Amino acid sequence: QVQLVESGGGLVQPGGSLRLSCAASRIIFSVYAMAWHRQAPGKQRELVATITSGGNTNYVDAVKGRFTISRDSAKNTVYLQMNKLKPEDTAVYYCHAWGTEIWGQGTLVTVSS
């Protein structure tokens, strides 16, 4: 069954913003830390940000100060707010329940003028 569903990707100009959402089942959301990863064309998948159930966050250096990961317990949803987007942020973004093999289907973010 589908347990993580991402949304919010699209085409945006450099310098613009997007917010990705990841809706999770209640049990996954309440038990696991959550993460966003991305995979650019021709590159390996990389970790972007993580958030624990207690709200502690970590980011890869490339997105620090531009991206914010958050979680809404009432909606069982994890967000990735992406600001000041750059062409090198173009990738398929995946939601992931940390420490498991539970992944979303991915959502494409394209940053281009």
N, C-alpha and C. Protein backbone atom coordinates (compact mmCIF):
# COMPACT_ATOMS: atom_id res chain seq x y z
N GLN A 1 0.83 -1.18 0.00
CA GLN A 1 0.00 0.00 0.00
C GLN A 1 0.88 1.25 0.00
N VAL A 2 0.31 2.35 -0.50
CA VAL A 2 1.04 3.60 -0.56
C VAL A 2 1.06 4.21 0.82
N GLN A 3 2.26 4.53 1.31
CA GLN A 3 2.37 5.05 2.67
C GLN A 3 2.93 6.46 2.73
N LEU A 4 3.62 6.88 1.67
CA LEU A 4 4.15 8.24 1.58
C LEU A 4 3.77 8.80 0.22
N VAL A 5 3.14 9.95 0.22
CA VAL A 5 2.70 10.58 -1.03
C VAL A 5 3.20 12.01 -1.07
N GLU A 6 4.09 12.28 -2.05
CA GLU A 6 4.63 13.63 -2.19
C GLU A 6 3.79 14.45 -3.15
N SER A 7 3.87 15.76 -2.99
CA SER A 7 3.24 16.69 -3.91
C SER A 7 3.96 18.03 -3.83
N GLY A 8 3.70 18.90 -4.81
CA GLY A 8 4.23 20.25 -4.74
C GLY A 8 5.35 20.58 -5.70
N GLY A 9 5.83 19.60 -6.44
CA GLY A 9 6.89 19.89 -7.39
C GLY A 9 6.38 20.70 -8.58
N GLY A 10 7.33 21.14 -9.41
CA GLY A 10 6.94 21.90 -10.59
C GLY A 10 8.11 22.67 -11.15
N LEU A 11 7.78 23.59 -12.05
CA LEU A 11 8.78 24.44 -12.69
C LEU A 11 8.80 25.80 -12.01
N VAL A 12 9.99 26.26 -11.68
CA VAL A 12 10.12 27.56 -11.01
C VAL A 12 11.38 28.24 -11.55
N GLN A 13 11.34 29.56 -11.58
CA GLN A 13 12.50 30.32 -12.04
C GLN A 13 13.57 30.39 -10.95
N PRO A 14 14.81 30.57 -11.33
CA PRO A 14 15.87 30.76 -10.33
C PRO A 14 15.52 31.91 -9.38
N GLY A 15 15.76 31.66 -8.09
CA GLY A 15 15.41 32.65 -7.08
C GLY A 15 14.02 32.47 -6.52
N GLY A 16 13.23 31.61 -7.14
CA GLY A 16 11.86 31.39 -6.68
C GLY A 16 11.77 30.40 -5.54
N SER A 17 10.51 30.09 -5.17
CA SER A 17 10.24 29.21 -4.03
C SER A 17 9.23 28.14 -4.41
N LEU A 18 9.33 27.01 -3.73
CA LEU A 18 8.35 25.94 -3.81
C LEU A 18 8.24 25.29 -2.44
N ARG A 19 7.08 24.72 -2.16
CA ARG A 19 6.93 23.93 -0.94
C ARG A 19 6.46 22.52 -1.30
N LEU A 20 7.25 21.55 -0.91
CA LEU A 20 6.91 20.15 -1.12
C LEU A 20 6.20 19.62 0.12
N SER A 21 5.25 18.72 -0.11
CA SER A 21 4.52 18.08 0.97
C SER A 21 4.67 16.57 0.86
N CYS A 22 4.66 15.91 2.00
CA CYS A 22 4.72 14.45 2.04
C CYS A 22 3.70 13.98 3.07
N ALA A 23 2.62 13.41 2.59
CA ALA A 23 1.58 12.88 3.47
C ALA A 23 1.92 11.44 3.84
N ALA A 24 1.94 11.17 5.14
CA ALA A 24 2.32 9.85 5.62
C ALA A 24 1.18 9.20 6.38
N SER A 25 1.25 7.89 6.49
CA SER A 25 0.29 7.21 7.36
C SER A 25 0.62 7.57 8.80
N ARG A 26 -0.38 7.53 9.66
CA ARG A 26 -0.20 8.00 11.03
C ARG A 26 0.89 7.21 11.76
N ILE A 27 0.96 5.90 11.56
CA ILE A 27 1.92 5.10 12.29
C ILE A 27 3.35 5.44 11.87
N ILE A 28 3.55 5.66 10.57
CA ILE A 28 4.88 6.02 10.10
C ILE A 28 5.28 7.38 10.65
N PHE A 29 4.36 8.31 10.58
CA PHE A 29 4.67 9.67 11.00
C PHE A 29 5.01 9.72 12.49
N SER A 30 4.33 8.92 13.28
CA SER A 30 4.51 9.01 14.73
C SER A 30 5.75 8.26 15.21
N VAL A 31 6.23 7.29 14.42
CA VAL A 31 7.33 6.45 14.87
C VAL A 31 8.69 6.92 14.35
N TYR A 32 8.72 7.34 13.09
CA TYR A 32 10.01 7.55 12.43
C TYR A 32 10.37 9.01 12.25
N ALA A 33 11.69 9.25 12.28
CA ALA A 33 12.17 10.51 11.74
C ALA A 33 11.91 10.49 10.23
N MET A 34 11.81 11.67 9.66
CA MET A 34 11.49 11.77 8.24
C MET A 34 12.59 12.53 7.52
N ALA A 35 12.73 12.24 6.24
CA ALA A 35 13.80 12.86 5.46
C ALA A 35 13.33 13.19 4.05
N TRP A 36 14.00 14.16 3.47
CA TRP A 36 13.88 14.44 2.04
C TRP A 36 15.22 14.15 1.39
N HIS A 37 15.18 13.45 0.28
CA HIS A 37 16.34 13.19 -0.55
C HIS A 37 16.06 13.76 -1.94
N ARG A 38 17.09 13.86 -2.75
CA ARG A 38 16.87 14.25 -4.14
C ARG A 38 17.85 13.53 -5.06
N GLN A 39 17.43 13.39 -6.31
CA GLN A 39 18.28 12.76 -7.31
C GLN A 39 18.23 13.58 -8.58
N ALA A 40 19.36 14.21 -8.88
CA ALA A 40 19.46 15.00 -10.10
C ALA A 40 19.79 14.08 -11.28
N PRO A 41 19.48 14.53 -12.49
CA PRO A 41 19.77 13.70 -13.67
C PRO A 41 21.23 13.29 -13.74
N GLY A 42 21.47 11.99 -13.88
CA GLY A 42 22.83 11.49 -14.01
C GLY A 42 23.62 11.44 -12.73
N LYS A 43 22.98 11.71 -11.58
CA LYS A 43 23.68 11.72 -10.30
C LYS A 43 23.05 10.75 -9.33
N GLN A 44 23.79 10.44 -8.26
CA GLN A 44 23.25 9.58 -7.23
C GLN A 44 22.27 10.33 -6.35
N ARG A 45 21.38 9.58 -5.73
CA ARG A 45 20.44 10.18 -4.78
C ARG A 45 21.22 10.70 -3.58
N GLU A 46 20.85 11.90 -3.11
CA GLU A 46 21.53 12.48 -1.96
C GLU A 46 20.52 12.93 -0.91
N LEU A 47 20.94 12.88 0.34
CA LEU A 47 20.12 13.35 1.44
C LEU A 47 20.10 14.88 1.43
N VAL A 48 18.93 15.45 1.64
CA VAL A 48 18.78 16.91 1.67
C VAL A 48 18.56 17.40 3.10
N ALA A 49 17.61 16.78 3.80
CA ALA A 49 17.26 17.25 5.14
C ALA A 49 16.56 16.15 5.91
N THR A 50 16.68 16.21 7.23
CA THR A 50 15.98 15.27 8.10
C THR A 50 15.31 16.02 9.24
N ILE A 51 14.27 15.40 9.80
CA ILE A 51 13.61 15.95 10.96
C ILE A 51 13.17 14.80 11.85
N THR A 52 13.50 14.89 13.14
CA THR A 52 13.10 13.84 14.08
C THR A 52 11.66 14.05 14.54
N SER A 53 11.14 13.08 15.26
CA SER A 53 9.79 13.22 15.79
C SER A 53 9.72 14.37 16.79
N GLY A 54 10.86 14.71 17.37
CA GLY A 54 10.89 15.83 18.30
C GLY A 54 11.14 17.17 17.65
N GLY A 55 11.35 17.17 16.33
CA GLY A 55 11.51 18.42 15.61
C GLY A 55 12.93 18.87 15.36
N ASN A 56 13.91 18.05 15.74
CA ASN A 56 15.30 18.40 15.45
C ASN A 56 15.59 18.21 13.97
N THR A 57 16.29 19.17 13.40
CA THR A 57 16.51 19.16 11.95
C THR A 57 17.99 19.16 11.60
N ASN A 58 18.28 18.64 10.43
CA ASN A 58 19.63 18.69 9.86
C ASN A 58 19.52 18.89 8.36
N TYR A 59 20.52 19.57 7.80
CA TYR A 59 20.50 19.88 6.37
C TYR A 59 21.87 19.62 5.75
N VAL A 60 21.86 19.25 4.48
CA VAL A 60 23.11 19.20 3.73
C VAL A 60 23.57 20.63 3.50
N ASP A 61 24.88 20.83 3.44
CA ASP A 61 25.43 22.19 3.35
C ASP A 61 24.88 22.97 2.16
N ALA A 62 24.60 22.29 1.07
CA ALA A 62 24.18 22.97 -0.15
C ALA A 62 22.83 23.68 -0.02
N VAL A 63 22.04 23.30 0.97
CA VAL A 63 20.69 23.90 1.10
C VAL A 63 20.52 24.68 2.39
N LYS A 64 21.52 24.67 3.26
CA LYS A 64 21.40 25.40 4.53
C LYS A 64 21.12 26.88 4.28
N GLY A 65 20.16 27.41 5.02
CA GLY A 65 19.79 28.80 4.87
C GLY A 65 18.78 29.07 3.77
N ARG A 66 18.50 28.05 2.95
CA ARG A 66 17.53 28.21 1.87
C ARG A 66 16.33 27.28 2.02
N PHE A 67 16.54 26.08 2.52
CA PHE A 67 15.47 25.10 2.67
C PHE A 67 15.12 24.94 4.15
N THR A 68 13.85 24.65 4.40
CA THR A 68 13.38 24.38 5.76
C THR A 68 12.49 23.15 5.75
N ILE A 69 12.85 22.17 6.58
CA ILE A 69 12.02 20.98 6.74
C ILE A 69 11.17 21.16 8.00
N SER A 70 9.91 20.73 7.93
CA SER A 70 9.03 20.86 9.08
C SER A 70 8.03 19.72 9.04
N ARG A 71 7.31 19.55 10.15
CA ARG A 71 6.31 18.49 10.21
C ARG A 71 5.09 18.98 10.95
N ASP A 72 3.92 18.53 10.50
CA ASP A 72 2.64 18.89 11.09
C ASP A 72 1.99 17.61 11.60
N SER A 73 1.99 17.43 12.92
CA SER A 73 1.47 16.20 13.50
C SER A 73 -0.03 16.05 13.29
N ALA A 74 -0.74 17.14 13.23
CA ALA A 74 -2.19 17.07 13.04
C ALA A 74 -2.55 16.54 11.66
N LYS A 75 -1.65 16.77 10.70
CA LYS A 75 -1.92 16.35 9.32
C LYS A 75 -1.06 15.18 8.87
N ASN A 76 -0.18 14.69 9.77
CA ASN A 76 0.74 13.60 9.40
C ASN A 76 1.50 13.94 8.13
N THR A 77 1.99 15.14 8.06
CA THR A 77 2.61 15.64 6.84
C THR A 77 3.96 16.28 7.15
N VAL A 78 4.91 16.02 6.28
CA VAL A 78 6.23 16.65 6.34
C VAL A 78 6.35 17.60 5.15
N TYR A 79 6.96 18.73 5.40
CA TYR A 79 7.11 19.74 4.36
C TYR A 79 8.58 20.03 4.09
N LEU A 80 8.85 20.50 2.89
CA LEU A 80 10.16 21.04 2.56
C LEU A 80 9.93 22.37 1.86
N GLN A 81 10.16 23.45 2.59
CA GLN A 81 10.06 24.79 2.01
C GLN A 81 11.38 25.12 1.36
N MET A 82 11.35 25.41 0.08
CA MET A 82 12.57 25.67 -0.68
C MET A 82 12.54 27.10 -1.20
N ASN A 83 13.47 27.91 -0.75
CA ASN A 83 13.57 29.31 -1.17
C ASN A 83 14.88 29.54 -1.91
N LYS A 84 14.94 30.64 -2.62
CA LYS A 84 16.16 31.01 -3.35
C LYS A 84 16.67 29.84 -4.19
N LEU A 85 15.77 29.23 -4.93
CA LEU A 85 16.11 28.05 -5.69
C LEU A 85 17.11 28.36 -6.80
N LYS A 86 17.97 27.38 -7.04
CA LYS A 86 19.03 27.49 -8.04
C LYS A 86 18.84 26.38 -9.08
N PRO A 87 19.38 26.57 -10.28
CA PRO A 87 19.26 25.51 -11.30
C PRO A 87 19.82 24.17 -10.80
N GLU A 88 20.83 24.21 -9.96
CA GLU A 88 21.41 22.96 -9.46
C GLU A 88 20.52 22.24 -8.43
N ASP A 89 19.41 22.87 -8.04
CA ASP A 89 18.44 22.20 -7.19
C ASP A 89 17.49 21.33 -8.00
N THR A 90 17.57 21.40 -9.31
CA THR A 90 16.72 20.58 -10.17
C THR A 90 16.96 19.10 -9.90
N ALA A 91 15.89 18.38 -9.58
CA ALA A 91 15.99 16.97 -9.21
C ALA A 91 14.60 16.41 -8.95
N VAL A 92 14.54 15.09 -8.85
CA VAL A 92 13.36 14.45 -8.30
C VAL A 92 13.56 14.37 -6.79
N TYR A 93 12.60 14.86 -6.04
CA TYR A 93 12.69 14.90 -4.59
C TYR A 93 11.83 13.77 -4.01
N TYR A 94 12.43 13.05 -3.05
CA TYR A 94 11.77 11.89 -2.46
C TYR A 94 11.64 12.08 -0.96
N CYS A 95 10.49 11.71 -0.45
CA CYS A 95 10.24 11.64 0.98
C CYS A 95 10.60 10.23 1.46
N HIS A 96 11.12 10.12 2.69
CA HIS A 96 11.63 8.85 3.18
C HIS A 96 11.43 8.74 4.68
N ALA A 97 10.94 7.61 5.11
CA ALA A 97 10.86 7.33 6.55
C ALA A 97 12.22 6.80 6.96
N TRP A 98 12.93 7.57 7.74
CA TRP A 98 14.34 7.31 8.06
C TRP A 98 14.54 5.94 8.71
N GLY A 99 15.51 5.20 8.17
CA GLY A 99 15.83 3.90 8.73
C GLY A 99 14.97 2.77 8.20
N THR A 100 14.14 3.09 7.21
CA THR A 100 13.27 2.06 6.62
C THR A 100 13.47 2.04 5.11
N GLU A 101 12.75 1.15 4.46
CA GLU A 101 12.73 1.11 3.00
C GLU A 101 11.45 1.73 2.47
N ILE A 102 10.86 2.60 3.26
CA ILE A 102 9.61 3.25 2.88
C ILE A 102 9.92 4.59 2.23
N TRP A 103 9.62 4.70 0.93
CA TRP A 103 9.89 5.89 0.14
C TRP A 103 8.63 6.33 -0.57
N GLY A 104 8.55 7.61 -0.84
CA GLY A 104 7.50 8.11 -1.71
C GLY A 104 7.87 7.90 -3.16
N GLN A 105 6.95 8.29 -4.04
CA GLN A 105 7.15 8.05 -5.46
C GLN A 105 8.01 9.12 -6.13
N GLY A 106 8.24 10.22 -5.44
CA GLY A 106 9.07 11.30 -5.96
C GLY A 106 8.25 12.38 -6.63
N THR A 107 8.75 13.60 -6.56
CA THR A 107 8.13 14.73 -7.24
C THR A 107 9.23 15.57 -7.89
N LEU A 108 9.02 15.95 -9.14
CA LEU A 108 10.06 16.62 -9.92
C LEU A 108 10.04 18.12 -9.66
N VAL A 109 11.22 18.64 -9.36
CA VAL A 109 11.42 20.08 -9.22
C VAL A 109 12.39 20.52 -10.31
N THR A 110 11.96 21.47 -11.12
CA THR A 110 12.80 22.00 -12.19
C THR A 110 12.98 23.49 -11.98
N VAL A 111 14.24 23.91 -11.88
CA VAL A 111 14.55 25.32 -11.68
C VAL A 111 15.22 25.82 -12.96
N SER A 112 14.49 26.64 -13.69
CA SER A 112 14.98 27.08 -14.99
C SER A 112 14.28 28.36 -15.40
N SER A 113 15.00 29.20 -16.13
CA SER A 113 14.39 30.42 -16.67
C SER A 113 13.87 30.18 -18.09
